[in-house]
Protein backbone atom coordinates (compact mmCIF):
# COMPACT_ATOMS: atom_id res chain seq x y z
CA MET A 1 67.07 -3.47 -184.13
CA VAL A 2 65.25 -1.76 -181.52
CA LYS A 3 67.48 -1.17 -178.35
CA GLY A 4 65.24 1.19 -176.39
CA TYR A 5 61.96 2.99 -176.39
CA SER A 6 60.95 6.31 -174.69
CA ARG A 7 57.59 8.20 -174.65
CA PRO A 8 58.24 11.85 -173.82
CA ARG A 9 55.46 13.96 -172.29
CA SER A 10 56.18 17.27 -174.10
CA LEU A 11 57.86 18.48 -177.30
CA ASP A 12 60.77 19.95 -175.38
CA GLU A 13 61.41 16.62 -173.68
CA ALA A 14 61.20 14.76 -177.02
CA LEU A 15 63.68 17.16 -178.60
CA GLU A 16 66.02 16.64 -175.52
CA MET A 17 65.83 12.95 -176.04
CA LEU A 18 66.55 13.18 -179.80
CA ALA A 19 69.55 15.22 -179.06
CA ARG A 20 70.88 13.07 -176.21
CA LEU A 21 70.37 9.64 -178.06
CA THR A 22 71.56 10.88 -181.51
CA PRO A 23 72.49 9.15 -183.90
CA ARG A 24 70.53 6.10 -182.65
CA ALA A 25 67.21 7.99 -181.88
CA LEU A 26 64.45 7.60 -184.22
CA PRO A 27 61.13 9.42 -183.73
CA ILE A 28 58.04 7.41 -184.33
CA ALA A 29 54.42 8.50 -184.60
CA GLY A 30 52.21 6.35 -186.70
CA GLY A 31 55.01 3.97 -187.56
CA THR A 32 53.43 2.91 -190.92
CA ASP A 33 56.78 3.36 -192.77
CA LEU A 34 59.27 3.00 -189.96
CA LEU A 35 58.08 -0.35 -188.74
CA VAL A 36 58.28 -1.87 -192.27
CA ASP A 37 61.88 -0.67 -192.51
CA LEU A 38 62.68 -2.17 -188.99
CA ARG A 39 61.03 -5.52 -189.87
CA GLU A 40 63.02 -5.71 -193.07
CA GLY A 41 66.31 -4.87 -191.25
CA ARG A 42 66.98 -1.58 -193.23
CA LEU A 43 67.94 0.14 -189.92
CA GLY A 44 70.58 -0.53 -187.55
CA GLU A 45 70.37 -0.32 -183.67
CA CYS A 46 67.99 2.43 -182.72
CA HIS A 47 66.13 3.89 -179.83
CA LEU A 48 62.46 4.80 -180.60
CA VAL A 49 61.25 8.11 -179.29
CA ASP A 50 57.38 8.02 -179.32
CA ILE A 51 55.94 11.42 -180.34
CA SER A 52 52.53 10.15 -181.29
CA ARG A 53 50.71 11.69 -178.25
CA LEU A 54 52.32 15.11 -178.29
CA GLU A 55 49.67 17.74 -178.48
CA GLU A 56 52.18 20.29 -179.76
CA LEU A 57 52.26 18.45 -182.96
CA LYS A 58 48.48 18.58 -183.48
CA VAL A 59 48.08 22.25 -184.10
CA LEU A 60 45.48 23.19 -186.73
CA GLU A 61 44.57 26.88 -187.21
CA LYS A 62 44.28 29.75 -189.48
CA ARG A 63 46.57 32.63 -188.34
CA SER A 64 47.50 35.82 -190.25
CA GLY A 65 46.25 34.43 -193.51
CA LYS A 66 48.36 31.22 -193.26
CA ILE A 67 47.17 27.70 -192.52
CA ARG A 68 49.22 25.99 -189.84
CA VAL A 69 49.06 22.22 -189.82
CA GLY A 70 50.74 20.10 -187.13
CA ALA A 71 53.07 17.33 -188.36
CA GLY A 72 51.43 14.82 -185.95
CA LEU A 73 47.95 15.11 -187.58
CA THR A 74 46.91 11.69 -189.09
CA PHE A 75 45.67 11.55 -192.67
CA SER A 76 42.17 10.91 -191.26
CA GLU A 77 42.44 13.92 -189.06
CA VAL A 78 43.34 15.99 -192.12
CA GLU A 79 40.49 14.46 -194.07
CA ARG A 80 37.84 15.33 -191.42
CA SER A 81 38.98 18.94 -190.96
CA GLY A 82 36.45 21.54 -192.14
CA LEU A 83 39.20 24.23 -192.05
CA LEU A 84 41.36 22.12 -194.43
CA ARG A 85 38.56 21.21 -196.72
CA GLU A 86 38.02 24.90 -197.21
CA CYS A 87 41.54 26.29 -197.18
CA ALA A 88 43.81 23.24 -198.29
CA PRO A 89 41.53 21.15 -200.53
CA VAL A 90 44.37 19.27 -202.35
CA LEU A 91 45.95 18.14 -199.04
CA VAL A 92 42.61 16.81 -197.96
CA LYS A 93 42.06 14.95 -201.22
CA ALA A 94 45.61 13.42 -201.18
CA SER A 95 45.25 12.36 -197.59
CA SER A 96 41.94 10.63 -198.30
CA GLN A 97 43.74 8.43 -200.88
CA VAL A 98 46.77 7.23 -198.66
CA GLY A 99 46.86 3.52 -198.17
CA SER A 100 43.94 2.08 -196.44
CA LEU A 101 41.62 3.34 -193.64
CA GLN A 102 43.74 1.65 -191.06
CA ILE A 103 46.96 3.37 -192.25
CA ARG A 104 45.09 6.69 -192.56
CA ASN A 105 44.02 6.42 -188.96
CA VAL A 106 47.52 6.25 -187.60
CA GLY A 107 49.98 7.50 -190.25
CA THR A 108 50.93 11.17 -190.03
CA ILE A 109 51.65 13.79 -192.63
CA GLY A 110 54.89 14.70 -190.84
CA GLY A 111 56.02 11.03 -191.06
CA ASN A 112 54.94 10.89 -194.77
CA VAL A 113 57.09 13.85 -195.52
CA ALA A 114 60.20 12.78 -193.37
CA HIS A 115 60.16 9.26 -195.12
CA CYS A 116 60.58 11.21 -198.40
CA SER A 117 59.32 8.40 -200.59
CA PRO A 118 59.16 9.39 -204.32
CA ALA A 119 55.47 8.11 -204.22
CA ALA A 120 54.50 10.01 -200.99
CA ASP A 121 50.91 11.28 -201.63
CA THR A 122 51.02 14.31 -199.43
CA ILE A 123 54.23 15.73 -200.70
CA PRO A 124 52.81 16.84 -204.25
CA ALA A 125 49.73 18.31 -202.38
CA LEU A 126 51.89 20.29 -199.93
CA LEU A 127 54.02 21.68 -202.83
CA VAL A 128 51.08 23.15 -204.63
CA HIS A 129 49.93 24.60 -201.42
CA ARG A 130 53.44 26.19 -201.41
CA ALA A 131 54.20 24.77 -197.89
CA LYS A 132 56.86 25.91 -195.58
CA VAL A 133 58.23 23.38 -193.04
CA VAL A 134 58.87 24.16 -189.43
CA LEU A 135 61.82 22.27 -188.00
CA ARG A 136 62.76 22.12 -184.36
CA SER A 137 65.66 20.76 -182.37
CA SER A 138 67.16 21.40 -178.96
CA ASN A 139 69.27 24.02 -180.54
CA GLY A 140 66.21 26.12 -181.82
CA SER A 141 63.88 26.24 -184.82
CA ARG A 142 63.98 27.10 -188.50
CA GLU A 143 61.56 27.41 -191.29
CA VAL A 144 62.29 26.16 -194.82
CA ALA A 145 60.42 25.74 -198.04
CA LEU A 146 59.30 22.07 -198.45
CA GLU A 147 61.52 21.77 -201.64
CA ALA A 148 64.57 22.44 -199.62
CA LEU A 149 63.83 19.47 -197.40
CA LEU A 150 63.56 16.96 -200.22
CA GLY A 151 67.14 15.77 -200.65
CA GLY A 152 66.45 12.54 -202.82
CA PRO A 153 64.52 9.22 -202.49
CA TYR A 154 64.03 8.53 -198.81
CA LYS A 155 66.38 11.29 -197.91
CA ALA A 156 64.77 14.32 -196.03
CA LEU A 157 67.51 16.85 -195.19
CA LEU A 158 67.02 16.91 -191.59
CA ALA A 159 69.88 17.78 -189.08
CA PRO A 160 70.57 15.26 -186.35
CA GLY A 161 68.03 15.56 -183.57
CA GLU A 162 65.76 17.74 -185.79
CA LEU A 163 62.07 17.16 -185.97
CA ILE A 164 59.27 18.39 -188.37
CA THR A 165 56.76 20.01 -186.11
CA GLU A 166 54.31 21.80 -188.56
CA PHE A 167 53.65 22.97 -192.02
CA VAL A 168 52.62 26.47 -192.93
CA LEU A 169 50.35 26.66 -196.12
CA GLU A 170 49.00 29.37 -198.21
CA ASP A 171 45.25 29.88 -197.86
CA ALA A 172 43.66 28.35 -200.90
CA SER A 173 39.98 28.93 -200.02
CA HIS A 174 39.53 30.98 -203.25
CA MET A 175 40.91 28.20 -205.44
CA TRP A 176 39.95 25.03 -207.13
CA GLY A 177 42.04 21.86 -206.29
CA GLU A 178 42.38 18.29 -207.29
CA PHE A 179 44.60 15.27 -206.65
CA SER A 180 44.79 12.23 -208.91
CA LYS A 181 46.83 9.11 -209.00
CA ILE A 182 47.51 5.92 -210.83
CA GLY A 183 48.18 2.66 -208.89
CA ARG A 184 47.55 -1.12 -209.43
CA ARG A 185 44.43 -0.99 -207.31
CA ARG A 186 42.33 1.54 -205.30
CA GLU A 187 43.87 0.97 -201.84
CA LEU A 188 47.10 -0.43 -200.33
CA ALA A 189 48.92 0.17 -203.65
CA ILE A 190 52.16 2.08 -204.12
CA THR A 191 51.41 5.11 -206.32
CA ARG A 192 52.74 4.65 -209.87
CA LEU A 193 52.14 8.34 -210.67
CA SER A 194 50.29 11.18 -208.83
CA LEU A 195 49.33 14.71 -209.68
CA ALA A 196 48.34 17.60 -207.34
CA ALA A 197 46.76 20.76 -208.99
CA LEU A 198 45.66 23.99 -207.57
CA ALA A 199 44.18 26.66 -209.81
CA ARG A 200 42.24 29.96 -209.94
CA LYS A 201 40.41 31.21 -212.93
CA GLU A 202 39.58 34.83 -213.72
CA ASP A 203 37.00 35.49 -216.54
CA GLY A 204 37.60 32.09 -217.97
CA ARG A 205 41.31 32.47 -217.95
CA ILE A 206 43.77 30.58 -215.70
CA GLY A 207 45.11 33.32 -213.40
CA GLU A 208 47.16 31.02 -211.09
CA LEU A 209 48.12 27.36 -211.54
CA TYR A 210 50.40 25.12 -209.42
CA LEU A 211 51.09 21.42 -210.52
CA ALA A 212 53.20 18.92 -208.73
CA LEU A 213 53.99 15.39 -209.91
CA GLY A 214 54.67 12.42 -207.65
CA ALA A 215 56.47 9.08 -208.31
CA GLY A 216 57.77 10.25 -211.67
CA THR A 217 60.93 11.96 -210.47
CA PRO A 218 63.45 11.09 -207.59
CA VAL A 219 61.41 13.34 -205.26
CA PRO A 220 57.97 14.97 -206.11
CA ARG A 221 58.40 18.36 -207.65
CA ARG A 222 56.51 21.19 -209.31
CA MET A 223 55.98 20.92 -213.05
CA GLU A 224 56.67 24.43 -214.07
CA SER A 225 56.76 23.92 -217.84
CA ALA A 226 53.13 22.71 -217.81
CA GLU A 227 52.19 25.63 -215.46
CA ARG A 228 53.62 28.19 -217.84
CA ALA A 229 51.91 26.56 -220.86
CA LEU A 230 48.48 27.10 -219.37
CA LEU A 231 48.77 30.30 -217.44
CA GLY A 232 46.75 33.14 -218.87
CA LYS A 233 44.84 30.87 -221.29
CA ARG A 234 41.06 30.09 -221.74
CA PRO A 235 42.11 26.43 -222.01
CA GLN A 236 40.65 23.85 -224.42
CA GLU A 237 41.30 20.18 -224.29
CA GLY A 238 44.07 20.46 -226.91
CA ASP A 239 45.89 22.77 -224.53
CA LEU A 240 45.68 20.19 -221.68
CA TRP A 241 47.22 17.57 -224.00
CA GLU A 242 50.06 20.01 -224.94
CA ALA A 243 50.74 20.79 -221.30
CA GLY A 244 50.66 17.20 -220.42
CA TRP A 245 53.24 16.41 -223.00
CA LEU A 246 55.53 19.16 -221.72
CA MET A 247 55.09 17.78 -218.20
CA ALA A 248 55.95 14.29 -219.39
CA GLN A 249 59.12 15.62 -221.08
CA GLU A 250 60.14 17.46 -218.01
CA MET A 251 59.77 14.35 -215.97
CA VAL A 252 62.01 12.41 -218.27
CA SER A 253 64.60 15.17 -218.38
CA VAL A 254 64.85 15.13 -214.58
CA SER A 255 64.73 11.37 -214.06
CA GLY A 256 66.48 10.23 -217.27
CA PRO A 257 65.34 7.31 -219.33
CA ARG A 258 64.20 4.29 -217.46
CA PRO A 259 62.45 0.95 -218.40
CA SER A 260 59.18 2.38 -217.36
CA THR A 261 59.70 5.69 -219.38
CA HIS A 262 57.67 4.60 -222.40
CA TYR A 263 54.61 3.87 -220.21
CA LYS A 264 55.01 6.84 -217.70
CA GLU A 265 55.40 9.49 -220.50
CA LYS A 266 51.93 8.57 -221.77
CA ALA A 267 50.46 7.95 -218.39
CA ALA A 268 51.71 11.34 -217.11
CA CYS A 269 50.26 13.16 -220.04
CA GLY A 270 46.80 11.48 -219.73
CA LEU A 271 46.91 12.02 -215.86
CA LEU A 272 47.21 15.87 -216.40
CA VAL A 273 44.33 15.82 -218.87
CA ARG A 274 42.19 13.80 -216.63
CA THR A 275 42.87 15.92 -213.62
CA LEU A 276 42.50 19.29 -215.26
CA LEU A 277 39.34 18.51 -217.41
CA PRO A 278 36.97 19.88 -214.80
CA LEU A 279 38.63 23.24 -215.38
CA LEU A 280 37.21 23.27 -218.87
CA GLU A 281 33.72 22.46 -217.57
CA ASP A 282 33.98 25.46 -215.13
CA GLY A 283 32.98 28.56 -217.11
CA SER A 284 33.85 31.11 -214.47
């Protein structure tokens, strides 16, 4: 139940409000997840702190070889960015597949990560871009690897009064990237499985490879067994099927057997093959 609403004019003012109103304070930007939780009564009494208009959360720049992406950028803003299309292609492709156009116009990447859904589309993309997360509160700031923030389903490890302000990504302008997912329909569907892939080939061999699976484990995570299986190879389709099976087994070992396991094992394997097939067609 909403008991109050504030719209701070600066990031410092927002952080002061979050500290003062903790534990009732809830930051809201796009609200595409938060408003659903409020309507369904999942949250107790709260005071909304509207951070949607804070320019400090809209940073987008390349600095010292790193890409800095503000947590307040909407999915549509990410999708339209020429800098990100060049330097963070997987994040752009994932953002373009979130929900519907209306959701992409207001939902933010910071909110997507803070909600920490196992099916969040931007988290696997950020993982393959080896994202660091900048967190700020009235007590200062800290930077952590994205993996360290993912505590469990719908449980981001944020301290009271702490806010995600930006993501720091590795420059991937020299790499090939893709994002694929399985859902019941093209839009407005909860992701059943997703896969983010970022790769670099040298003389036909895979010199770098980063894979991250979404919606198959309690939180999205890198699939290192599949990465290791393909690194250094001139891959053939059979190699992709082998790596897909390794990924499926890693998924099951992390999540444990579930009613959907029989389907998801085969789906994960096929998803990896479908996602990485263009690497076979690229003869570089």
